[in-house]
């Protein structure tokens, strides 16, 4: 058995986000946290019954991403098995910051190679006008030429899911 079987590293993941024009773009991302769905523990006592009862089963996806600050032009997203085709972080995120328009997103995780169909992917799989994430903050750090951005599910959105196929905008 070869050593490190199944091990993956950051160079084998890519992050895609729908831009303001509805096109998926690869973003330069060095750090990502929150890949998954979080659920609040439910306490259904007293006046909290109605609210907490509704919240049960409605998870949140607090995505925090960070990477190099770039004004490169937008380019078409990469395909299965290809290295990310990076669009500028500033170019894509600034027009989205603070908008409540639902956006498709995908986190592609390649296992020991660039992501290809069959490897894990996490994101919104069925595009619609109601489902997706919104960019809640975009904060450049000009001293390091990096950025951080916070993405959250749009209220009422279906939760993202895990899968193994590319996520495309209809």
C-alpha atoms as a PDB file:
ATOM      1  CA  UNK A   1       0.000   0.000   0.000  1.00  0.00           C
ATOM      2  CA  UNK A   2       1.384   3.400  -0.945  1.00  0.00           C
ATOM      3  CA  UNK A   3       1.833   6.003   1.789  1.00  0.00           C
ATOM      4  CA  UNK A   4      -0.698   8.841   2.143  1.00  0.00           C
ATOM      5  CA  UNK A   5      -3.417   7.004   0.229  1.00  0.00           C
ATOM      6  CA  UNK A   6      -6.468   9.233   0.006  1.00  0.00           C
ATOM      7  CA  UNK A   7      -4.656  12.274   1.353  1.00  0.00           C
ATOM      8  CA  UNK A   8      -5.440  15.570  -0.305  1.00  0.00           C
ATOM      9  CA  UNK A   9      -3.900  19.014  -0.009  1.00  0.00           C
ATOM     10  CA  UNK A  10      -5.087  22.566  -0.601  1.00  0.00           C
ATOM     11  CA  UNK A  11      -3.752  22.617  -4.136  1.00  0.00           C
ATOM     12  CA  UNK A  12      -6.419  20.059  -5.055  1.00  0.00           C
ATOM     13  CA  UNK A  13      -9.471  22.114  -4.161  1.00  0.00           C
ATOM     14  CA  UNK A  14     -11.203  24.903  -6.037  1.00  0.00           C
ATOM     15  CA  UNK A  15     -13.990  27.308  -5.164  1.00  0.00           C
ATOM     16  CA  UNK A  16     -16.542  28.524  -7.695  1.00  0.00           C
ATOM     17  CA  UNK A  17     -19.101  31.289  -7.246  1.00  0.00           C
ATOM     18  CA  UNK A  18     -21.733  32.661  -9.584  1.00  0.00           C
ATOM     19  CA  UNK A  19     -20.931  36.233 -10.636  1.00  0.00           C
ATOM     20  CA  UNK A  20     -23.350  39.173 -10.965  1.00  0.00           C
ATOM     21  CA  UNK A  21     -24.108  38.079 -14.553  1.00  0.00           C
ATOM     22  CA  UNK A  22     -25.046  34.502 -13.587  1.00  0.00           C
ATOM     23  CA  UNK A  23     -21.811  32.816 -14.775  1.00  0.00           C
ATOM     24  CA  UNK A  24     -19.783  30.443 -12.583  1.00  0.00           C
ATOM     25  CA  UNK A  25     -16.212  31.666 -11.910  1.00  0.00           C
ATOM     26  CA  UNK A  26     -13.192  30.100 -10.185  1.00  0.00           C
ATOM     27  CA  UNK A  27     -12.013  32.371  -7.369  1.00  0.00           C
ATOM     28  CA  UNK A  28      -8.494  32.485  -5.927  1.00  0.00           C
ATOM     29  CA  UNK A  29      -9.039  31.016  -2.449  1.00  0.00           C
ATOM     30  CA  UNK A  30      -6.240  30.028  -0.068  1.00  0.00           C
ATOM     31  CA  UNK A  31      -8.374  29.482   3.026  1.00  0.00           C
ATOM     32  CA  UNK A  32     -11.901  28.240   3.511  1.00  0.00           C
ATOM     33  CA  UNK A  33     -13.815  27.381   6.647  1.00  0.00           C
ATOM     34  CA  UNK A  34     -17.248  26.008   7.201  1.00  0.00           C
ATOM     35  CA  UNK A  35     -17.533  23.480   4.379  1.00  0.00           C
ATOM     36  CA  UNK A  36     -20.709  21.831   5.593  1.00  0.00           C
ATOM     37  CA  UNK A  37     -24.041  22.603   7.195  1.00  0.00           C
ATOM     38  CA  UNK A  38     -24.412  23.716  10.804  1.00  0.00           C
ATOM     39  CA  UNK A  39     -27.588  23.236  12.828  1.00  0.00           C
ATOM     40  CA  UNK A  40     -28.592  25.072  15.965  1.00  0.00           C
ATOM     41  CA  UNK A  41     -29.392  22.947  18.985  1.00  0.00           C
ATOM     42  CA  UNK A  42     -33.111  23.209  19.537  1.00  0.00           C
ATOM     43  CA  UNK A  43     -34.619  24.175  22.889  1.00  0.00           C
ATOM     44  CA  UNK A  44     -38.407  24.114  22.424  1.00  0.00           C
ATOM     45  CA  UNK A  45     -39.463  25.580  25.748  1.00  0.00           C
ATOM     46  CA  UNK A  46     -41.708  28.528  26.616  1.00  0.00           C
ATOM     47  CA  UNK A  47     -41.972  31.300  24.007  1.00  0.00           C
ATOM     48  CA  UNK A  48     -39.303  29.767  21.788  1.00  0.00           C
ATOM     49  CA  UNK A  49     -41.543  26.923  20.585  1.00  0.00           C
ATOM     50  CA  UNK A  50     -42.689  28.475  17.330  1.00  0.00           C
ATOM     51  CA  UNK A  51     -39.351  29.936  16.276  1.00  0.00           C
ATOM     52  CA  UNK A  52     -37.177  27.040  17.349  1.00  0.00           C
ATOM     53  CA  UNK A  53     -39.660  24.541  15.955  1.00  0.00           C
ATOM     54  CA  UNK A  54     -39.389  26.218  12.564  1.00  0.00           C
ATOM     55  CA  UNK A  55     -35.577  26.350  12.760  1.00  0.00           C
ATOM     56  CA  UNK A  56     -35.296  22.597  13.262  1.00  0.00           C
ATOM     57  CA  UNK A  57     -33.979  21.122  10.040  1.00  0.00           C
ATOM     58  CA  UNK A  58     -33.042  24.507   8.548  1.00  0.00           C
ATOM     59  CA  UNK A  59     -29.251  24.522   8.648  1.00  0.00           C
ATOM     60  CA  UNK A  60     -26.890  27.377   7.905  1.00  0.00           C
ATOM     61  CA  UNK A  61     -23.747  27.443   5.810  1.00  0.00           C
ATOM     62  CA  UNK A  62     -21.314  29.998   7.210  1.00  0.00           C
ATOM     63  CA  UNK A  63     -18.596  30.076   4.535  1.00  0.00           C
ATOM     64  CA  UNK A  64     -15.527  32.192   5.190  1.00  0.00           C
ATOM     65  CA  UNK A  65     -13.039  32.403   2.328  1.00  0.00           C
ATOM     66  CA  UNK A  66      -9.763  34.236   1.906  1.00  0.00           C
ATOM     67  CA  UNK A  67      -7.102  34.587  -0.732  1.00  0.00           C
ATOM     68  CA  UNK A  68      -5.034  36.930  -2.863  1.00  0.00           C
ATOM     69  CA  UNK A  69      -6.539  40.290  -3.780  1.00  0.00           C
ATOM     70  CA  UNK A  70      -6.671  40.477  -7.571  1.00  0.00           C
ATOM     71  CA  UNK A  71      -8.267  42.672 -10.223  1.00  0.00           C
ATOM     72  CA  UNK A  72      -7.710  40.131 -13.013  1.00  0.00           C
ATOM     73  CA  UNK A  73     -10.573  39.917 -15.525  1.00  0.00           C
ATOM     74  CA  UNK A  74     -13.371  37.361 -15.226  1.00  0.00           C
ATOM     75  CA  UNK A  75     -12.697  34.150 -17.150  1.00  0.00           C
ATOM     76  CA  UNK A  76     -14.776  31.016 -17.730  1.00  0.00           C
ATOM     77  CA  UNK A  77     -14.682  28.494 -14.875  1.00  0.00           C
ATOM     78  CA  UNK A  78     -12.544  25.386 -15.268  1.00  0.00           C
ATOM     79  CA  UNK A  79     -13.975  22.004 -16.166  1.00  0.00           C
ATOM     80  CA  UNK A  80     -13.612  18.563 -14.592  1.00  0.00           C
ATOM     81  CA  UNK A  81      -9.975  17.490 -14.236  1.00  0.00           C
ATOM     82  CA  UNK A  82      -8.621  20.973 -14.981  1.00  0.00           C
ATOM     83  CA  UNK A  83      -6.682  23.392 -12.810  1.00  0.00           C
ATOM     84  CA  UNK A  84      -8.758  26.391 -11.662  1.00  0.00           C
ATOM     85  CA  UNK A  85      -9.074  29.192 -14.244  1.00  0.00           C
ATOM     86  CA  UNK A  86      -8.875  32.090 -11.826  1.00  0.00           C
ATOM     87  CA  UNK A  87     -10.919  35.260 -12.090  1.00  0.00           C
ATOM     88  CA  UNK A  88      -9.961  38.290 -10.009  1.00  0.00           C
ATOM     89  CA  UNK A  89     -11.314  38.200  -6.455  1.00  0.00           C
ATOM     90  CA  UNK A  90     -11.976  41.960  -6.485  1.00  0.00           C
ATOM     91  CA  UNK A  91     -13.535  41.751  -9.963  1.00  0.00           C
ATOM     92  CA  UNK A  92     -16.086  39.116  -8.899  1.00  0.00           C
ATOM     93  CA  UNK A  93     -16.770  39.864  -5.218  1.00  0.00           C
ATOM     94  CA  UNK A  94     -17.135  43.666  -5.124  1.00  0.00           C
ATOM     95  CA  UNK A  95     -20.302  43.772  -7.309  1.00  0.00           C
ATOM     96  CA  UNK A  96     -21.827  40.989  -5.140  1.00  0.00           C
ATOM     97  CA  UNK A  97     -21.009  42.431  -1.717  1.00  0.00           C
ATOM     98  CA  UNK A  98     -24.194  43.246   0.216  1.00  0.00           C
ATOM     99  CA  UNK A  99     -26.584  42.049  -2.510  1.00  0.00           C
ATOM    100  CA  UNK A 100     -29.268  39.548  -1.491  1.00  0.00           C
ATOM    101  CA  UNK A 101     -29.478  37.871  -4.890  1.00  0.00           C
ATOM    102  CA  UNK A 102     -29.052  34.088  -4.385  1.00  0.00           C
ATOM    103  CA  UNK A 103     -25.804  32.823  -5.925  1.00  0.00           C
ATOM    104  CA  UNK A 104     -24.734  29.296  -6.810  1.00  0.00           C
ATOM    105  CA  UNK A 105     -21.454  28.130  -5.312  1.00  0.00           C
ATOM    106  CA  UNK A 106     -19.359  24.984  -5.292  1.00  0.00           C
ATOM    107  CA  UNK A 107     -16.396  23.691  -3.308  1.00  0.00           C
ATOM    108  CA  UNK A 108     -14.623  21.025  -5.381  1.00  0.00           C
ATOM    109  CA  UNK A 109     -12.272  18.668  -3.518  1.00  0.00           C
ATOM    110  CA  UNK A 110      -9.842  16.650  -5.621  1.00  0.00           C
ATOM    111  CA  UNK A 111      -8.438  13.546  -3.963  1.00  0.00           C
ATOM    112  CA  UNK A 112      -4.697  13.412  -4.785  1.00  0.00           C
ATOM    113  CA  UNK A 113      -5.315  15.299  -8.079  1.00  0.00           C
ATOM    114  CA  UNK A 114      -7.317  18.170  -9.513  1.00  0.00           C
ATOM    115  CA  UNK A 115     -11.057  17.712  -8.988  1.00  0.00           C
ATOM    116  CA  UNK A 116     -12.834  15.568 -11.532  1.00  0.00           C
ATOM    117  CA  UNK A 117     -16.311  14.070 -11.767  1.00  0.00           C
ATOM    118  CA  UNK A 118     -16.608  11.428  -9.052  1.00  0.00           C
ATOM    119  CA  UNK A 119     -14.682  13.415  -6.413  1.00  0.00           C
ATOM    120  CA  UNK A 120     -16.551  15.251  -3.616  1.00  0.00           C
ATOM    121  CA  UNK A 121     -18.257  18.566  -4.301  1.00  0.00           C
ATOM    122  CA  UNK A 122     -20.310  20.672  -1.888  1.00  0.00           C
ATOM    123  CA  UNK A 123     -22.711  23.353  -3.054  1.00  0.00           C
ATOM    124  CA  UNK A 124     -26.137  24.355  -4.323  1.00  0.00           C
ATOM    125  CA  UNK A 125     -27.003  21.758  -6.955  1.00  0.00           C
ATOM    126  CA  UNK A 126     -30.325  22.985  -8.345  1.00  0.00           C
ATOM    127  CA  UNK A 127     -30.169  26.602  -9.463  1.00  0.00           C
ATOM    128  CA  UNK A 128     -33.255  28.694  -8.770  1.00  0.00           C
ATOM    129  CA  UNK A 129     -34.193  32.280  -8.031  1.00  0.00           C
ATOM    130  CA  UNK A 130     -34.673  31.452  -4.320  1.00  0.00           C
ATOM    131  CA  UNK A 131     -31.741  29.167  -3.484  1.00  0.00           C
ATOM    132  CA  UNK A 132     -28.124  30.137  -2.942  1.00  0.00           C
ATOM    133  CA  UNK A 133     -25.699  32.190  -0.897  1.00  0.00           C
ATOM    134  CA  UNK A 134     -25.125  35.931  -0.606  1.00  0.00           C
ATOM    135  CA  UNK A 135     -21.839  37.749  -0.044  1.00  0.00           C
ATOM    136  CA  UNK A 136     -22.221  39.384   3.364  1.00  0.00           C
ATOM    137  CA  UNK A 137     -18.787  40.951   3.500  1.00  0.00           C
ATOM    138  CA  UNK A 138     -15.710  41.511   1.363  1.00  0.00           C
ATOM    139  CA  UNK A 139     -12.749  42.953   3.248  1.00  0.00           C
ATOM    140  CA  UNK A 140      -9.465  43.650   1.442  1.00  0.00           C
ATOM    141  CA  UNK A 141      -6.240  43.761   3.460  1.00  0.00           C
ATOM    142  CA  UNK A 142      -4.069  46.069   1.366  1.00  0.00           C
ATOM    143  CA  UNK A 143      -1.018  45.596   3.599  1.00  0.00           C
ATOM    144  CA  UNK A 144      -0.907  41.911   2.584  1.00  0.00           C
ATOM    145  CA  UNK A 145      -2.801  42.194  -0.728  1.00  0.00           C
ATOM    146  CA  UNK A 146      -5.312  39.576   0.456  1.00  0.00           C
ATOM    147  CA  UNK A 147      -9.050  39.506   1.080  1.00  0.00           C
ATOM    148  CA  UNK A 148     -11.565  37.772   3.298  1.00  0.00           C
ATOM    149  CA  UNK A 149     -15.202  37.271   2.393  1.00  0.00           C
ATOM    150  CA  UNK A 150     -18.184  35.895   4.263  1.00  0.00           C
ATOM    151  CA  UNK A 151     -20.977  34.041   2.461  1.00  0.00           C
ATOM    152  CA  UNK A 152     -24.272  32.952   4.032  1.00  0.00           C
ATOM    153  CA  UNK A 153     -27.367  31.147   2.817  1.00  0.00           C
ATOM    154  CA  UNK A 154     -30.095  33.458   1.577  1.00  0.00           C
ATOM    155  CA  UNK A 155     -33.065  33.206   4.015  1.00  0.00           C
ATOM    156  CA  UNK A 156     -35.433  30.462   2.877  1.00  0.00           C
ATOM    157  CA  UNK A 157     -32.841  28.837   0.614  1.00  0.00           C
ATOM    158  CA  UNK A 158     -32.528  25.084   0.324  1.00  0.00           C
ATOM    159  CA  UNK A 159     -29.407  23.792   2.013  1.00  0.00           C
ATOM    160  CA  UNK A 160     -26.413  22.874  -0.134  1.00  0.00           C
ATOM    161  CA  UNK A 161     -25.636  19.200  -0.566  1.00  0.00           C
ATOM    162  CA  UNK A 162     -22.665  16.921  -1.103  1.00  0.00           C
ATOM    163  CA  UNK A 163     -22.316  15.236  -4.457  1.00  0.00           C
ATOM    164  CA  UNK A 164     -19.815  14.133  -7.087  1.00  0.00           C
ATOM    165  CA  UNK A 165     -20.838  16.023 -10.238  1.00  0.00           C
ATOM    166  CA  UNK A 166     -20.117  19.545 -11.458  1.00  0.00           C
ATOM    167  CA  UNK A 167     -22.513  22.295 -10.402  1.00  0.00           C
ATOM    168  CA  UNK A 168     -23.671  24.422 -13.313  1.00  0.00           C
ATOM    169  CA  UNK A 169     -25.922  27.450 -13.636  1.00  0.00           C
ATOM    170  CA  UNK A 170     -28.981  26.689 -15.769  1.00  0.00           C
END
